[in-house]
Amino acid sequence: MNPYAGAVRMLGRTRGFAWVGARLLHRLDRPFRHRRRSVTSFGTGFPLCYLTVRGRRSGEERVVPLLYVADGDRVVLIASNWGGHRDPAWALNLEAATDATVTVDGSSRVLRPRRARGEEFDRYWAAALELWPGYAGYRRRAGREVPIFVLEPFPAHDGA
């Protein structure tokens, strides 16, 4: 890992970084949705995706840039909300959705969302902490269970 990425990972554990990140990073990253790089991933190598999901009440498409954990053809998202006391709006929307679009490096896929539970949750939480150690502090500050969502391809239909 390069020194810049290491410094960002260290800063990511602080309340100040979470405060700034929650208010600023999504605004800076959103315009890069159809590109290979974004403000968050530039120079860090952090995996960033853009989640597009319909609002559970408005029905309007919402786009949010998020770090993700890759697991084969699955995309795993951590609903930490930067340590906020409530689940992020995107997680509530995803909970109500039957599908969502995930864009990585300008390529989009429609996937089926579900919550991780039990051993799967534990495995993905460990992987998330390797990616972004700040999640541990976010979870502590949140005082709530931090949901983990698995977005996976829809099962293939064999036509029979």
C-alpha atoms as a PDB file:
ATOM      1  CA  MET A   1       0.000   0.000   0.000  1.00  0.00           C
ATOM      2  CA  ASN A   2       1.329   3.410  -0.888  1.00  0.00           C
ATOM      3  CA  PRO A   3       1.920   6.027   1.857  1.00  0.00           C
ATOM      4  CA  TYR A   4      -1.030   8.153   0.746  1.00  0.00           C
ATOM      5  CA  ALA A   5      -3.477   5.233   0.959  1.00  0.00           C
ATOM      6  CA  GLY A   6      -2.022   4.287   4.352  1.00  0.00           C
ATOM      7  CA  ALA A   7      -2.514   7.830   5.625  1.00  0.00           C
ATOM      8  CA  VAL A   8      -6.113   7.892   4.388  1.00  0.00           C
ATOM      9  CA  ARG A   9      -6.774   4.564   6.148  1.00  0.00           C
ATOM     10  CA  MET A  10      -5.353   5.995   9.393  1.00  0.00           C
ATOM     11  CA  LEU A  11      -7.328   9.231   9.109  1.00  0.00           C
ATOM     12  CA  GLY A  12     -10.421   7.196   8.270  1.00  0.00           C
ATOM     13  CA  ARG A  13     -10.518   5.977  11.864  1.00  0.00           C
ATOM     14  CA  THR A  14     -11.054   9.475  13.267  1.00  0.00           C
ATOM     15  CA  ARG A  15     -14.335  11.226  14.033  1.00  0.00           C
ATOM     16  CA  GLY A  16     -13.212  14.273  12.082  1.00  0.00           C
ATOM     17  CA  PHE A  17     -12.630  12.285   8.903  1.00  0.00           C
ATOM     18  CA  ALA A  18     -16.034  10.609   9.294  1.00  0.00           C
ATOM     19  CA  TRP A  19     -17.690  14.004   9.751  1.00  0.00           C
ATOM     20  CA  VAL A  20     -16.039  15.456   6.650  1.00  0.00           C
ATOM     21  CA  GLY A  21     -16.483  12.251   4.647  1.00  0.00           C
ATOM     22  CA  ALA A  22     -20.194  12.028   5.410  1.00  0.00           C
ATOM     23  CA  ARG A  23     -20.778  15.570   4.220  1.00  0.00           C
ATOM     24  CA  LEU A  24     -18.365  15.838   1.307  1.00  0.00           C
ATOM     25  CA  LEU A  25     -17.069  12.627  -0.312  1.00  0.00           C
ATOM     26  CA  HIS A  26     -20.324  11.457  -1.896  1.00  0.00           C
ATOM     27  CA  ARG A  27     -20.747  14.876  -3.508  1.00  0.00           C
ATOM     28  CA  LEU A  28     -17.223  14.787  -4.914  1.00  0.00           C
ATOM     29  CA  ASP A  29     -17.473  11.182  -6.163  1.00  0.00           C
ATOM     30  CA  ARG A  30     -20.930  11.211  -7.767  1.00  0.00           C
ATOM     31  CA  PRO A  31     -19.857  12.990 -11.009  1.00  0.00           C
ATOM     32  CA  PHE A  32     -17.308  10.215 -11.678  1.00  0.00           C
ATOM     33  CA  ARG A  33     -19.964   7.483 -11.883  1.00  0.00           C
ATOM     34  CA  HIS A  34     -19.213   6.547 -15.498  1.00  0.00           C
ATOM     35  CA  ARG A  35     -15.435   6.751 -15.198  1.00  0.00           C
ATOM     36  CA  ARG A  36     -12.757   4.390 -13.982  1.00  0.00           C
ATOM     37  CA  ARG A  37     -11.462   6.704 -11.242  1.00  0.00           C
ATOM     38  CA  SER A  38     -13.038   8.951  -8.632  1.00  0.00           C
ATOM     39  CA  VAL A  39     -11.850  11.283  -5.898  1.00  0.00           C
ATOM     40  CA  THR A  40     -12.092   8.491  -3.311  1.00  0.00           C
ATOM     41  CA  SER A  41     -10.259   5.867  -5.350  1.00  0.00           C
ATOM     42  CA  PHE A  42      -7.630   8.172  -6.877  1.00  0.00           C
ATOM     43  CA  GLY A  43      -4.245   7.223  -5.461  1.00  0.00           C
ATOM     44  CA  THR A  44      -5.701   4.879  -2.852  1.00  0.00           C
ATOM     45  CA  GLY A  45      -6.823   1.855  -4.830  1.00  0.00           C
ATOM     46  CA  PHE A  46      -9.941   1.618  -2.648  1.00  0.00           C
ATOM     47  CA  PRO A  47     -12.718  -0.212  -4.480  1.00  0.00           C
ATOM     48  CA  LEU A  48     -15.554   2.210  -5.136  1.00  0.00           C
ATOM     49  CA  CYS A  49     -18.910   1.377  -6.655  1.00  0.00           C
ATOM     50  CA  TYR A  50     -21.979   3.433  -7.408  1.00  0.00           C
ATOM     51  CA  LEU A  51     -25.190   1.968  -6.065  1.00  0.00           C
ATOM     52  CA  THR A  52     -28.373   2.973  -7.869  1.00  0.00           C
ATOM     53  CA  VAL A  53     -31.551   2.011  -6.047  1.00  0.00           C
ATOM     54  CA  ARG A  54     -35.115   3.334  -6.111  1.00  0.00           C
ATOM     55  CA  GLY A  55     -36.264   5.354  -3.142  1.00  0.00           C
ATOM     56  CA  ARG A  56     -38.677   3.293  -1.076  1.00  0.00           C
ATOM     57  CA  ARG A  57     -41.103   6.229  -0.758  1.00  0.00           C
ATOM     58  CA  SER A  58     -40.326   8.487  -3.719  1.00  0.00           C
ATOM     59  CA  GLY A  59     -39.752   5.791  -6.332  1.00  0.00           C
ATOM     60  CA  GLU A  60     -36.954   7.972  -7.733  1.00  0.00           C
ATOM     61  CA  GLU A  61     -33.560   6.504  -8.532  1.00  0.00           C
ATOM     62  CA  ARG A  62     -30.901   7.399  -5.987  1.00  0.00           C
ATOM     63  CA  VAL A  63     -27.174   7.062  -6.683  1.00  0.00           C
ATOM     64  CA  VAL A  64     -24.596   6.809  -3.928  1.00  0.00           C
ATOM     65  CA  PRO A  65     -20.850   6.078  -4.164  1.00  0.00           C
ATOM     66  CA  LEU A  66     -19.720   3.402  -1.676  1.00  0.00           C
ATOM     67  CA  LEU A  67     -16.674   1.346  -0.810  1.00  0.00           C
ATOM     68  CA  TYR A  68     -17.356  -2.309  -1.459  1.00  0.00           C
ATOM     69  CA  VAL A  69     -15.936  -5.741  -0.807  1.00  0.00           C
ATOM     70  CA  ALA A  70     -15.763  -7.958  -3.888  1.00  0.00           C
ATOM     71  CA  ASP A  71     -16.634 -11.629  -3.483  1.00  0.00           C
ATOM     72  CA  GLY A  72     -16.575 -13.285  -6.885  1.00  0.00           C
ATOM     73  CA  ASP A  73     -19.613 -11.961  -8.746  1.00  0.00           C
ATOM     74  CA  ARG A  74     -21.046 -10.525  -5.520  1.00  0.00           C
ATOM     75  CA  VAL A  75     -20.734  -6.954  -4.291  1.00  0.00           C
ATOM     76  CA  VAL A  76     -20.801  -6.505  -0.518  1.00  0.00           C
ATOM     77  CA  LEU A  77     -21.804  -3.159   1.016  1.00  0.00           C
ATOM     78  CA  ILE A  78     -21.404  -2.011   4.621  1.00  0.00           C
ATOM     79  CA  ALA A  79     -24.179   0.314   5.885  1.00  0.00           C
ATOM     80  CA  SER A  80     -22.033   2.087   8.483  1.00  0.00           C
ATOM     81  CA  ASN A  81     -23.332   5.606   7.743  1.00  0.00           C
ATOM     82  CA  TRP A  82     -19.948   6.923   8.928  1.00  0.00           C
ATOM     83  CA  GLY A  83     -20.851   5.902  12.486  1.00  0.00           C
ATOM     84  CA  GLY A  84     -24.240   7.616  12.496  1.00  0.00           C
ATOM     85  CA  HIS A  85     -26.931   6.360  14.844  1.00  0.00           C
ATOM     86  CA  ARG A  86     -29.294   5.454  11.991  1.00  0.00           C
ATOM     87  CA  ASP A  87     -28.940   3.258   8.956  1.00  0.00           C
ATOM     88  CA  PRO A  88     -28.144   5.269   5.824  1.00  0.00           C
ATOM     89  CA  ALA A  89     -31.065   6.026   3.506  1.00  0.00           C
ATOM     90  CA  TRP A  90     -29.552   3.852   0.768  1.00  0.00           C
ATOM     91  CA  ALA A  91     -29.693   0.840   3.114  1.00  0.00           C
ATOM     92  CA  LEU A  92     -33.370   1.416   3.877  1.00  0.00           C
ATOM     93  CA  ASN A  93     -34.038   1.730   0.147  1.00  0.00           C
ATOM     94  CA  LEU A  94     -32.025  -1.410  -0.578  1.00  0.00           C
ATOM     95  CA  GLU A  95     -33.896  -3.343   2.122  1.00  0.00           C
ATOM     96  CA  ALA A  96     -37.156  -2.565   0.306  1.00  0.00           C
ATOM     97  CA  ALA A  97     -35.801  -3.197  -3.212  1.00  0.00           C
ATOM     98  CA  THR A  98     -35.976  -6.328  -5.337  1.00  0.00           C
ATOM     99  CA  ASP A  99     -33.043  -5.182  -7.479  1.00  0.00           C
ATOM    100  CA  ALA A 100     -30.354  -2.537  -7.638  1.00  0.00           C
ATOM    101  CA  THR A 101     -27.737  -1.442 -10.131  1.00  0.00           C
ATOM    102  CA  VAL A 102     -24.078  -1.466  -9.189  1.00  0.00           C
ATOM    103  CA  THR A 103     -21.557   0.386 -11.360  1.00  0.00           C
ATOM    104  CA  VAL A 104     -17.863  -0.428 -11.035  1.00  0.00           C
ATOM    105  CA  ASP A 105     -15.253   1.123 -13.337  1.00  0.00           C
ATOM    106  CA  GLY A 106     -18.029   2.436 -15.598  1.00  0.00           C
ATOM    107  CA  SER A 107     -19.634  -1.003 -16.067  1.00  0.00           C
ATOM    108  CA  SER A 108     -23.127  -1.565 -14.617  1.00  0.00           C
ATOM    109  CA  ARG A 109     -24.930  -4.717 -13.497  1.00  0.00           C
ATOM    110  CA  VAL A 110     -28.410  -5.262 -12.079  1.00  0.00           C
ATOM    111  CA  LEU A 111     -28.157  -7.395  -8.945  1.00  0.00           C
ATOM    112  CA  ARG A 112     -30.419  -8.846  -6.277  1.00  0.00           C
ATOM    113  CA  PRO A 113     -29.860  -7.406  -2.768  1.00  0.00           C
ATOM    114  CA  ARG A 114     -30.147  -9.259   0.520  1.00  0.00           C
ATOM    115  CA  ARG A 115     -28.796  -8.854   4.034  1.00  0.00           C
ATOM    116  CA  ALA A 116     -25.894 -10.966   5.236  1.00  0.00           C
ATOM    117  CA  ARG A 117     -26.590 -12.942   8.406  1.00  0.00           C
ATOM    118  CA  GLY A 118     -24.735 -15.243  10.792  1.00  0.00           C
ATOM    119  CA  GLU A 119     -21.398 -16.648   9.670  1.00  0.00           C
ATOM    120  CA  GLU A 120     -21.651 -14.888   6.328  1.00  0.00           C
ATOM    121  CA  PHE A 121     -22.026 -11.548   8.154  1.00  0.00           C
ATOM    122  CA  ASP A 122     -18.960 -12.323  10.290  1.00  0.00           C
ATOM    123  CA  ARG A 123     -16.882 -13.249   7.240  1.00  0.00           C
ATOM    124  CA  TYR A 124     -17.840 -10.104   5.357  1.00  0.00           C
ATOM    125  CA  TRP A 125     -17.321  -7.915   8.436  1.00  0.00           C
ATOM    126  CA  ALA A 126     -13.747  -9.225   8.729  1.00  0.00           C
ATOM    127  CA  ALA A 127     -13.159  -8.541   5.019  1.00  0.00           C
ATOM    128  CA  ALA A 128     -14.590  -5.030   5.390  1.00  0.00           C
ATOM    129  CA  LEU A 129     -12.236  -4.278   8.291  1.00  0.00           C
ATOM    130  CA  GLU A 130      -9.260  -5.342   6.172  1.00  0.00           C
ATOM    131  CA  LEU A 131     -10.400  -2.934   3.479  1.00  0.00           C
ATOM    132  CA  TRP A 132     -11.329  -0.032   5.763  1.00  0.00           C
ATOM    133  CA  PRO A 133     -10.351  -0.339   9.458  1.00  0.00           C
ATOM    134  CA  GLY A 134     -12.464   2.746  10.213  1.00  0.00           C
ATOM    135  CA  TYR A 135     -15.573   0.548  10.113  1.00  0.00           C
ATOM    136  CA  ALA A 136     -14.730  -0.690  13.640  1.00  0.00           C
ATOM    137  CA  GLY A 137     -14.928   2.835  15.056  1.00  0.00           C
ATOM    138  CA  TYR A 138     -18.034   3.615  13.021  1.00  0.00           C
ATOM    139  CA  ARG A 139     -19.755   0.549  14.479  1.00  0.00           C
ATOM    140  CA  ARG A 140     -18.764   1.532  18.025  1.00  0.00           C
ATOM    141  CA  ARG A 141     -19.976   5.105  17.604  1.00  0.00           C
ATOM    142  CA  ALA A 142     -23.189   4.038  15.864  1.00  0.00           C
ATOM    143  CA  GLY A 143     -24.356   1.928  18.804  1.00  0.00           C
ATOM    144  CA  ARG A 144     -26.385  -0.226  16.405  1.00  0.00           C
ATOM    145  CA  GLU A 145     -25.983  -3.314  14.311  1.00  0.00           C
ATOM    146  CA  VAL A 146     -24.324  -2.197  11.079  1.00  0.00           C
ATOM    147  CA  PRO A 147     -26.115  -4.016   8.254  1.00  0.00           C
ATOM    148  CA  ILE A 148     -24.145  -5.722   5.529  1.00  0.00           C
ATOM    149  CA  PHE A 149     -25.782  -6.170   2.154  1.00  0.00           C
ATOM    150  CA  VAL A 150     -24.831  -8.759  -0.428  1.00  0.00           C
ATOM    151  CA  LEU A 151     -25.760  -7.933  -3.999  1.00  0.00           C
ATOM    152  CA  GLU A 152     -25.615 -10.957  -6.246  1.00  0.00           C
ATOM    153  CA  PRO A 153     -26.692 -12.021  -9.713  1.00  0.00           C
ATOM    154  CA  PHE A 154     -30.229 -13.286 -10.092  1.00  0.00           C
ATOM    155  CA  PRO A 155     -30.510 -17.073 -10.337  1.00  0.00           C
ATOM    156  CA  ALA A 156     -30.405 -18.334 -13.914  1.00  0.00           C
ATOM    157  CA  HIS A 157     -33.624 -19.774 -15.284  1.00  0.00           C
ATOM    158  CA  ASP A 158     -33.140 -23.037 -17.139  1.00  0.00           C
ATOM    159  CA  GLY A 159     -36.345 -22.601 -19.124  1.00  0.00           C
ATOM    160  CA  ALA A 160     -37.730 -25.957 -17.996  1.00  0.00           C
END
